[in-house]
Amino acid sequence: MKSNKFYFGIFLLIFLFGSVSASYATSSVQFTQPGIGSSFLGSGTTSEVNFNSEICTSGQDFIIRIVPGGCTPPVVRSDLLEEQNVPVYCKLQALKVNPLITVSSIDSISFGGTYPEGISTVAFVPSYPALGLDRQLSNGAWENIGYAVIFLKRNANESSMPEFLAGGLSATIRYSLRDSFGLENYKFYLPLMTDSEFSELQGQYAFFNHMGYLRADDIQSNSASISIYSGLNSNQNGIEKQKILSRNLDVGEESSSFFLPGFGCLASSSFKLDAVQGQETRAVLKVNSEIFEVTNGEFFYDGKCQVVSDPLREGLRETVQVRCAGDDKSQTFGLAIEPTITLSINSGVEKTYHVGDPLGYSFDEKTIYLGYVGTDPKSKSDTLRNSLIYLVTVPGEPLEKLDQDTLSKVAKYAKNDLRNDKT
């Protein structure tokens, strides 16, 4: 006689899909299973490398399993199964195996495919940590991401019930990525550059932590030709960067997916041409290892900071005002590139000065200040070695430093004077 017990066991295999998007050209990235051999790692030449995306299929960013002994109830009574579908809750563990992603939360897991005989359906119930409420899912292993709820199908005939169930399931996991290998809401402004300019400034247009570079080859009123270069050999002297692809995009158009050498099939990306704009002054800011190119009113650093003034370039001095949100309140502060000038006055001791500093001398009862440091516009070299200075006298008590309004007036005078100088 069959006992009124039903032994339950099942093996769970998980396959997944995940995506995240950013902007730049708006860049999007999808992470998939490694599968490209060493021949796809790049030779360091300038020839284009065309990756066959067909060999890159949806794969594993995670390994997920049912915890041994983690199903409740482990034994299902046959008399209960004769009357109704019976849910069995199986605890799930996850191991993140893709090092290129940082996961902030699991949004959903859905099960599909053909269920083993005797199973009606399978659902997912997340734990609170997996929802991102308690902690960031940035570590490698998570002991409890939730439960697979496996509904055993009602069977009115006890004699046909098996002693146990075993089988495989497939699932789709959707999750949120946070700053995955250097991508998070980046916007790039790409000017036309010569080869030498691109070689010098390419770091401003890098993504994937300098594993890829963007370059504008041609810009029209409503379209642009954009090239992607690999940074695989960026640290090897004498080896040019590898051009991966070139695409001509209309405004609003997104490129097809492409793969970067060195990642195998782990990371695919695409980019979108948001707009074609006229040239305007922008500030290039580096926060930790991240570079942002921003203008007045733009947010950066994950929306925590905003540029609140027009970036100013007055000779070799560059300034911009930034407001950032703190724990208690927002704070506005200035960022500046200040040239340092060493002067020896009246054959005295050499001293260093910044723009706006008093020189310690007066003329006609007016204090002398270093008012401007720039370069001769007729020279091709825009460096301190080719610098020139303007001194300004200001009446009244000596100031610790000239204010920005006065410095801007001196800079405007100096630029006009240099422009009109015919010598």
Protein backbone atom coordinates (compact mmCIF):
# COMPACT_ATOMS: atom_id res chain seq x y z
CA MET A 1 0.00 0.00 0.00
CA LYS A 2 1.38 3.45 -0.95
CA SER A 3 2.04 5.72 2.00
CA ASN A 4 0.43 9.15 2.10
CA LYS A 5 3.72 10.90 1.45
CA PHE A 6 5.22 12.48 -1.64
CA TYR A 7 8.98 13.05 -1.79
CA PHE A 8 9.92 16.23 -3.60
CA GLY A 9 13.22 17.00 -5.31
CA ILE A 10 14.09 19.24 -8.25
CA PHE A 11 17.19 20.63 -9.93
CA LEU A 12 17.09 24.26 -11.06
CA LEU A 13 19.14 25.67 -13.93
CA ILE A 14 18.99 29.45 -14.39
CA PHE A 15 19.68 31.43 -17.56
CA LEU A 16 19.28 35.16 -17.57
CA PHE A 17 18.95 38.41 -19.46
CA GLY A 18 19.87 41.84 -18.09
CA SER A 19 20.37 45.33 -19.44
CA VAL A 20 21.28 48.89 -18.43
CA SER A 21 21.38 52.12 -20.43
CA ALA A 22 23.34 55.36 -20.29
CA SER A 23 23.68 58.30 -22.66
CA TYR A 24 26.09 60.04 -25.04
CA ALA A 25 25.45 59.39 -27.58
CA THR A 26 23.38 57.18 -25.24
CA SER A 27 25.35 54.01 -24.50
CA SER A 28 23.69 50.76 -23.53
CA VAL A 29 25.39 47.61 -22.36
CA GLN A 30 24.31 43.99 -22.17
CA PHE A 31 26.35 41.35 -20.42
CA THR A 32 26.43 37.82 -21.78
CA GLN A 33 28.36 34.59 -21.43
CA PRO A 34 32.08 34.43 -22.36
CA GLY A 35 32.62 32.65 -25.64
CA ILE A 36 35.19 34.41 -27.84
CA GLY A 37 38.56 32.80 -28.31
CA SER A 38 41.95 34.49 -28.16
CA SER A 39 41.81 35.38 -31.86
CA PHE A 40 39.22 38.02 -30.95
CA LEU A 41 41.38 39.75 -28.36
CA GLY A 42 42.86 42.13 -30.92
CA SER A 43 46.25 42.38 -32.55
CA GLY A 44 46.82 46.09 -31.90
CA THR A 45 46.62 47.11 -35.56
CA THR A 46 44.49 49.84 -37.08
CA SER A 47 42.44 47.41 -39.16
CA GLU A 48 38.79 47.04 -38.27
CA VAL A 49 37.72 43.95 -36.37
CA ASN A 50 34.20 42.72 -37.03
CA PHE A 51 32.84 40.59 -34.22
CA ASN A 52 30.36 37.88 -35.12
CA SER A 53 27.57 38.56 -32.64
CA GLU A 54 25.94 35.23 -33.45
CA ILE A 55 28.53 33.42 -31.35
CA CYS A 56 27.58 35.55 -28.36
CA THR A 57 24.33 34.33 -26.83
CA SER A 58 22.53 35.10 -23.59
CA GLY A 59 24.56 33.44 -20.86
CA GLN A 60 25.34 33.56 -17.18
CA ASP A 61 26.06 36.55 -15.01
CA PHE A 62 24.92 34.45 -12.04
CA ILE A 63 24.93 30.87 -10.90
CA ILE A 64 21.71 30.23 -8.98
CA ARG A 65 20.81 27.10 -7.09
CA ILE A 66 18.20 25.75 -4.71
CA VAL A 67 19.71 25.50 -1.23
CA PRO A 68 20.17 21.82 -0.25
CA GLY A 69 17.35 20.97 2.12
CA GLY A 70 15.87 24.40 1.46
CA CYS A 71 12.44 23.32 0.16
CA THR A 72 9.41 23.59 2.44
CA PRO A 73 7.60 21.31 2.84
CA PRO A 74 10.18 18.67 1.86
CA VAL A 75 7.48 15.99 1.89
CA VAL A 76 3.96 16.51 0.50
CA ARG A 77 1.07 14.39 1.71
CA SER A 78 -0.68 12.52 -1.08
CA ASP A 79 -4.14 13.10 0.37
CA LEU A 80 -3.53 16.89 0.20
CA LEU A 81 -2.32 16.65 -3.39
CA GLU A 82 -5.46 14.72 -4.29
CA GLU A 83 -7.52 17.80 -3.40
CA GLN A 84 -5.49 20.81 -4.64
CA ASN A 85 -2.31 22.19 -6.14
CA VAL A 86 0.35 22.33 -3.43
CA PRO A 87 3.01 25.11 -3.30
CA VAL A 88 6.55 24.19 -2.31
CA TYR A 89 8.88 27.06 -1.32
CA CYS A 90 12.52 26.52 -2.31
CA LYS A 91 15.16 28.96 -1.06
CA LEU A 92 17.47 30.32 -3.78
CA GLN A 93 21.14 31.29 -3.51
CA ALA A 94 23.07 33.31 -6.13
CA LEU A 95 26.75 33.65 -7.03
CA LYS A 96 27.69 36.54 -9.32
CA VAL A 97 30.24 35.23 -11.82
CA ASN A 98 30.50 38.22 -14.20
CA PRO A 99 33.15 40.59 -12.74
CA LEU A 100 32.11 43.45 -15.05
CA ILE A 101 28.79 44.18 -13.37
CA THR A 102 27.73 45.69 -10.05
CA VAL A 103 24.15 44.72 -9.24
CA SER A 104 22.13 47.02 -6.99
CA SER A 105 18.91 44.97 -6.93
CA ILE A 106 17.13 42.05 -8.53
CA ASP A 107 13.89 43.32 -10.04
CA SER A 108 12.23 40.05 -11.01
CA ILE A 109 12.75 36.40 -11.87
CA SER A 110 10.30 34.69 -14.19
CA PHE A 111 10.29 30.99 -15.00
CA GLY A 112 9.39 29.60 -18.40
CA GLY A 113 9.90 26.70 -20.72
CA THR A 114 8.46 23.21 -20.33
CA TYR A 115 7.86 22.24 -16.72
CA PRO A 116 8.57 18.70 -15.55
CA GLU A 117 5.57 16.37 -15.34
CA GLY A 118 3.64 16.98 -12.15
CA ILE A 119 4.42 20.71 -11.87
CA SER A 120 1.67 23.22 -12.61
CA THR A 121 3.64 26.49 -12.55
CA VAL A 122 6.61 28.18 -10.87
CA ALA A 123 6.67 31.69 -9.37
CA PHE A 124 9.32 33.81 -7.64
CA VAL A 125 8.99 35.55 -4.27
CA PRO A 126 11.95 37.91 -3.58
CA SER A 127 13.51 38.50 -0.20
CA TYR A 128 13.76 42.08 1.05
CA PRO A 129 17.55 42.30 0.55
CA ALA A 130 17.10 41.16 -3.06
CA LEU A 131 14.69 44.05 -3.55
CA GLY A 132 17.50 46.39 -2.56
CA LEU A 133 15.80 47.58 0.63
CA ASP A 134 18.42 46.39 3.09
CA ARG A 135 21.73 46.43 1.24
CA GLN A 136 23.46 46.72 -2.10
CA LEU A 137 23.89 43.45 -3.98
CA SER A 138 27.47 44.27 -4.89
CA ASN A 139 29.19 41.36 -3.18
CA GLY A 140 29.91 38.07 -4.92
CA ALA A 141 27.53 35.72 -3.10
CA TRP A 142 24.03 36.24 -1.75
CA GLU A 143 22.73 33.61 0.61
CA ASN A 144 19.07 34.42 0.08
CA ILE A 145 17.69 36.19 -2.98
CA GLY A 146 14.18 34.81 -2.53
CA TYR A 147 12.14 31.67 -3.15
CA ALA A 148 11.06 29.67 -6.15
CA VAL A 149 7.45 28.74 -5.45
CA ILE A 150 6.86 25.44 -7.26
CA PHE A 151 3.21 24.46 -7.51
CA LEU A 152 2.71 20.69 -7.63
CA LYS A 153 -0.18 19.78 -9.89
CA ARG A 154 -3.27 18.26 -8.28
CA ASN A 155 -3.52 14.51 -8.87
CA ALA A 156 -6.77 12.81 -7.86
CA ASN A 157 -5.30 9.34 -8.44
CA GLU A 158 -2.95 8.51 -5.58
CA SER A 159 -1.70 5.36 -7.26
CA SER A 160 -0.24 7.37 -10.16
CA MET A 161 1.74 9.72 -7.92
CA PRO A 162 5.54 9.37 -8.25
CA GLU A 163 7.76 8.97 -5.22
CA PHE A 164 9.68 12.15 -6.13
CA LEU A 165 10.06 14.78 -8.86
CA ALA A 166 13.29 15.85 -10.55
CA GLY A 167 13.83 18.15 -13.49
CA GLY A 168 15.23 21.39 -14.81
CA LEU A 169 13.84 24.91 -15.14
CA SER A 170 14.88 27.95 -17.13
CA ALA A 171 14.38 31.49 -15.89
CA THR A 172 14.81 35.11 -16.93
CA ILE A 173 16.34 37.45 -14.36
CA ARG A 174 15.94 41.21 -14.64
CA TYR A 175 18.13 43.32 -12.39
CA SER A 176 19.47 46.82 -11.93
CA LEU A 177 23.11 47.64 -12.56
CA ARG A 178 25.04 50.35 -10.76
CA ASP A 179 28.11 51.92 -12.40
CA SER A 180 28.95 48.71 -14.23
CA PHE A 181 32.58 48.91 -15.30
CA GLY A 182 32.57 52.63 -15.92
CA LEU A 183 29.14 53.22 -17.45
CA GLU A 184 26.65 55.41 -15.68
CA ASN A 185 24.78 58.25 -17.39
CA TYR A 186 27.74 59.59 -19.32
CA LYS A 187 27.25 62.24 -21.99
CA PHE A 188 30.08 62.88 -24.41
CA TYR A 189 30.55 65.99 -26.56
CA LEU A 190 32.66 64.95 -29.53
CA PRO A 191 34.40 67.69 -31.55
CA LEU A 192 36.26 67.07 -34.78
CA MET A 193 39.91 66.35 -33.98
CA THR A 194 43.09 65.69 -35.88
CA ASP A 195 44.99 62.48 -35.20
CA SER A 196 47.43 64.29 -32.93
CA GLU A 197 44.60 65.99 -31.01
CA PHE A 198 42.80 62.67 -30.56
CA SER A 199 46.00 61.04 -29.34
CA GLU A 200 46.41 63.80 -26.73
CA LEU A 201 42.77 64.20 -25.63
CA GLN A 202 41.34 60.69 -26.09
CA GLY A 203 41.11 60.11 -22.34
CA GLN A 204 38.22 62.61 -22.21
CA TYR A 205 36.18 60.37 -24.52
CA ALA A 206 36.82 57.00 -22.87
CA PHE A 207 34.26 54.52 -21.54
CA PHE A 208 34.44 51.06 -19.93
CA ASN A 209 37.30 52.44 -17.77
CA HIS A 210 39.38 53.33 -20.85
CA MET A 211 38.70 50.04 -22.63
CA GLY A 212 36.86 51.94 -25.38
CA TYR A 213 37.07 55.40 -26.96
CA LEU A 214 34.64 57.54 -29.00
CA ARG A 215 35.73 59.80 -31.86
CA ALA A 216 33.77 61.99 -34.28
CA ASP A 217 35.08 61.56 -37.84
CA ASP A 218 32.57 63.86 -39.53
CA ILE A 219 29.79 66.17 -38.29
CA GLN A 220 26.92 67.45 -40.42
CA SER A 221 23.88 69.54 -39.46
CA ASN A 222 21.69 66.50 -38.66
CA SER A 223 24.10 63.57 -38.62
CA ALA A 224 27.57 62.49 -37.58
CA SER A 225 30.04 59.71 -38.30
CA ILE A 226 31.29 58.14 -35.06
CA SER A 227 34.13 55.63 -34.62
CA ILE A 228 34.82 53.29 -31.71
CA TYR A 229 38.40 52.46 -30.77
CA SER A 230 39.53 49.71 -28.43
CA GLY A 231 41.71 50.55 -25.44
CA LEU A 232 43.04 47.00 -25.13
CA ASN A 233 46.60 48.08 -25.98
CA SER A 234 46.43 51.52 -24.42
CA ASN A 235 49.40 50.82 -22.14
CA GLN A 236 51.67 49.41 -24.85
CA ASN A 237 54.04 51.91 -26.40
CA GLY A 238 54.16 52.08 -30.17
CA ILE A 239 50.87 50.24 -30.72
CA GLU A 240 48.00 52.20 -32.19
CA LYS A 241 44.49 51.79 -30.91
CA GLN A 242 42.28 49.36 -32.74
CA LYS A 243 39.31 50.80 -34.65
CA ILE A 244 36.35 48.53 -33.92
CA LEU A 245 33.73 50.17 -36.11
CA SER A 246 32.51 53.38 -37.72
CA ARG A 247 28.85 54.29 -37.98
CA ASN A 248 27.05 57.21 -39.59
CA LEU A 249 24.05 58.14 -37.43
CA ASP A 250 21.23 60.61 -37.84
CA VAL A 251 20.16 62.63 -34.79
CA GLY A 252 18.15 60.30 -32.53
CA GLU A 253 19.47 57.14 -34.22
CA GLU A 254 21.08 54.33 -32.20
CA SER A 255 23.85 52.08 -33.47
CA SER A 256 23.73 48.31 -33.57
CA SER A 257 25.43 46.38 -30.77
CA PHE A 258 29.18 45.87 -30.91
CA PHE A 259 31.74 43.97 -28.84
CA LEU A 260 35.04 45.28 -27.50
CA PRO A 261 38.23 43.18 -27.76
CA GLY A 262 39.39 41.82 -24.44
CA PHE A 263 35.91 41.17 -23.03
CA GLY A 264 34.93 38.17 -25.12
CA CYS A 265 31.13 38.09 -25.14
CA LEU A 266 30.84 39.57 -21.65
CA ALA A 267 29.95 43.08 -22.75
CA SER A 268 28.13 44.42 -25.77
CA SER A 269 27.31 48.08 -26.19
CA SER A 270 25.58 50.54 -28.48
CA PHE A 271 25.57 54.33 -28.74
CA LYS A 272 23.06 56.95 -29.80
CA LEU A 273 23.50 60.39 -31.35
CA ASP A 274 21.45 62.70 -29.15
CA ALA A 275 22.07 66.00 -30.93
CA VAL A 276 24.41 68.08 -33.08
CA GLN A 277 25.22 71.31 -31.25
CA GLY A 278 27.32 74.38 -31.88
CA GLN A 279 30.60 74.81 -30.05
CA GLU A 280 30.28 76.15 -26.51
CA THR A 281 32.59 76.42 -23.53
CA ARG A 282 32.49 73.33 -21.32
CA ALA A 283 34.31 72.29 -18.18
CA VAL A 284 36.12 68.95 -18.04
CA LEU A 285 35.93 67.66 -14.46
CA LYS A 286 37.55 64.56 -13.02
CA VAL A 287 35.89 63.08 -9.92
CA ASN A 288 37.86 60.13 -8.61
CA SER A 289 38.43 58.13 -11.82
CA GLU A 290 35.40 59.50 -13.69
CA ILE A 291 35.65 62.31 -16.26
CA PHE A 292 32.68 64.59 -17.00
CA GLU A 293 32.40 67.20 -19.74
CA VAL A 294 29.67 69.62 -18.68
CA THR A 295 28.32 73.10 -19.29
CA ASN A 296 26.23 75.52 -17.24
CA GLY A 297 23.11 73.88 -15.77
CA GLU A 298 24.18 70.28 -16.38
CA PHE A 299 24.14 67.64 -13.64
CA PHE A 300 26.94 65.10 -13.19
CA TYR A 301 28.27 62.54 -10.71
CA ASP A 302 25.05 60.53 -10.68
CA GLY A 303 22.96 63.70 -10.37
CA LYS A 304 24.59 64.74 -7.09
CA CYS A 305 26.34 67.83 -8.50
CA GLN A 306 25.42 70.62 -10.93
CA VAL A 307 27.40 73.28 -12.79
CA VAL A 308 25.90 76.64 -11.77
CA SER A 309 28.00 79.09 -13.81
CA ASP A 310 29.39 79.42 -17.30
CA PRO A 311 32.89 77.89 -17.43
CA LEU A 312 35.34 80.77 -17.82
CA ARG A 313 38.69 80.69 -19.56
CA GLU A 314 40.63 83.88 -19.01
CA GLY A 315 44.10 83.39 -20.39
CA LEU A 316 45.63 80.39 -18.68
CA ARG A 317 43.20 80.66 -15.77
CA GLU A 318 40.04 78.52 -15.91
CA THR A 319 37.17 78.62 -13.38
CA VAL A 320 33.69 77.19 -12.86
CA GLN A 321 31.15 77.17 -10.02
CA VAL A 322 29.68 73.84 -8.88
CA ARG A 323 26.92 72.96 -6.41
CA CYS A 324 26.83 69.49 -4.81
CA ALA A 325 24.33 67.90 -2.45
CA GLY A 326 25.76 66.85 0.91
CA ASP A 327 24.33 64.81 3.76
CA ASP A 328 22.76 67.85 5.41
CA LYS A 329 22.68 70.61 2.78
CA SER A 330 23.92 71.63 -0.65
CA GLN A 331 27.20 73.49 -0.97
CA THR A 332 28.42 75.75 -3.78
CA PHE A 333 32.14 76.09 -4.42
CA GLY A 334 34.53 77.12 -7.16
CA LEU A 335 36.91 74.94 -9.12
CA ALA A 336 39.88 76.52 -10.87
CA ILE A 337 43.03 75.84 -12.81
CA GLU A 338 45.39 78.53 -11.52
CA PRO A 339 48.71 79.20 -13.28
CA THR A 340 51.60 79.84 -10.90
CA ILE A 341 54.12 82.53 -11.92
CA THR A 342 57.54 83.02 -10.32
CA LEU A 343 58.70 86.65 -10.38
CA SER A 344 61.79 88.48 -9.22
CA ILE A 345 60.98 92.18 -8.79
CA ASN A 346 63.73 94.84 -8.61
CA SER A 347 66.33 92.05 -8.52
CA GLY A 348 64.82 90.82 -5.30
CA VAL A 349 64.05 87.32 -4.08
CA GLU A 350 61.97 85.15 -6.40
CA LYS A 351 58.38 84.62 -5.25
CA THR A 352 55.44 82.71 -6.68
CA TYR A 353 52.10 84.37 -7.44
CA HIS A 354 48.63 83.43 -8.67
CA VAL A 355 46.33 85.63 -10.73
CA GLY A 356 44.78 88.23 -8.41
CA ASP A 357 47.59 88.18 -5.84
CA PRO A 358 49.17 91.47 -4.66
CA LEU A 359 52.86 91.73 -5.54
CA GLY A 360 53.77 93.60 -2.36
CA TYR A 361 54.51 96.84 -4.21
CA SER A 362 52.59 100.03 -4.91
CA PHE A 363 52.64 102.74 -7.56
CA ASP A 364 51.19 106.19 -7.10
CA GLU A 365 49.60 105.00 -3.83
CA LYS A 366 47.89 102.13 -5.64
CA THR A 367 48.54 98.45 -4.94
CA ILE A 368 50.01 96.41 -7.80
CA TYR A 369 48.40 93.03 -8.51
CA LEU A 370 49.03 90.20 -10.94
CA GLY A 371 45.94 90.74 -13.10
CA TYR A 372 46.29 88.31 -16.01
CA VAL A 373 48.41 85.41 -17.24
CA GLY A 374 47.99 84.40 -20.86
CA THR A 375 49.83 83.59 -24.06
CA ASP A 376 50.59 85.51 -27.22
CA PRO A 377 47.73 84.70 -29.66
CA LYS A 378 50.23 84.93 -32.54
CA SER A 379 52.17 82.00 -31.08
CA LYS A 380 51.24 78.37 -31.75
CA SER A 381 52.26 77.31 -28.24
CA ASP A 382 49.58 77.81 -25.58
CA THR A 383 51.73 76.98 -22.54
CA LEU A 384 53.36 78.70 -19.57
CA ARG A 385 56.68 78.71 -21.46
CA ASN A 386 55.10 81.18 -23.88
CA SER A 387 53.22 83.14 -21.23
CA LEU A 388 52.91 86.86 -20.71
CA ILE A 389 51.45 88.82 -17.81
CA TYR A 390 49.46 91.99 -17.19
CA LEU A 391 49.83 93.95 -13.97
CA VAL A 392 47.06 96.17 -12.65
CA THR A 393 47.01 98.91 -10.01
CA VAL A 394 44.00 99.29 -7.72
CA PRO A 395 43.44 102.18 -5.27
CA GLY A 396 42.47 101.65 -1.66
CA GLU A 397 43.67 99.31 1.04
CA PRO A 398 45.61 96.25 -0.23
CA LEU A 399 43.38 93.21 -0.77
CA GLU A 400 44.27 89.61 -0.13
CA LYS A 401 43.11 88.83 -3.68
CA LEU A 402 41.21 90.62 -6.45
CA ASP A 403 37.59 89.60 -6.88
CA GLN A 404 36.29 87.72 -9.93
CA ASP A 405 34.56 90.77 -11.43
CA THR A 406 37.81 92.76 -11.46
CA LEU A 407 39.78 89.83 -12.88
CA SER A 408 37.24 89.41 -15.69
CA LYS A 409 37.57 93.11 -16.61
CA VAL A 410 41.37 92.82 -16.67
CA ALA A 411 41.15 89.66 -18.81
CA LYS A 412 38.82 91.40 -21.28
CA TYR A 413 41.22 94.34 -21.58
CA ALA A 414 44.21 92.01 -22.03
CA LYS A 415 42.50 90.01 -24.80
CA ASN A 416 41.55 93.18 -26.70
CA ASP A 417 45.03 94.60 -26.28
CA LEU A 418 46.68 91.42 -27.55
CA ARG A 419 44.24 91.17 -30.45
CA ASN A 420 45.06 94.73 -31.56
CA ASP A 421 48.81 94.37 -31.06
CA LYS A 422 50.47 94.48 -34.50
CA THR A 423 54.04 93.93 -33.29
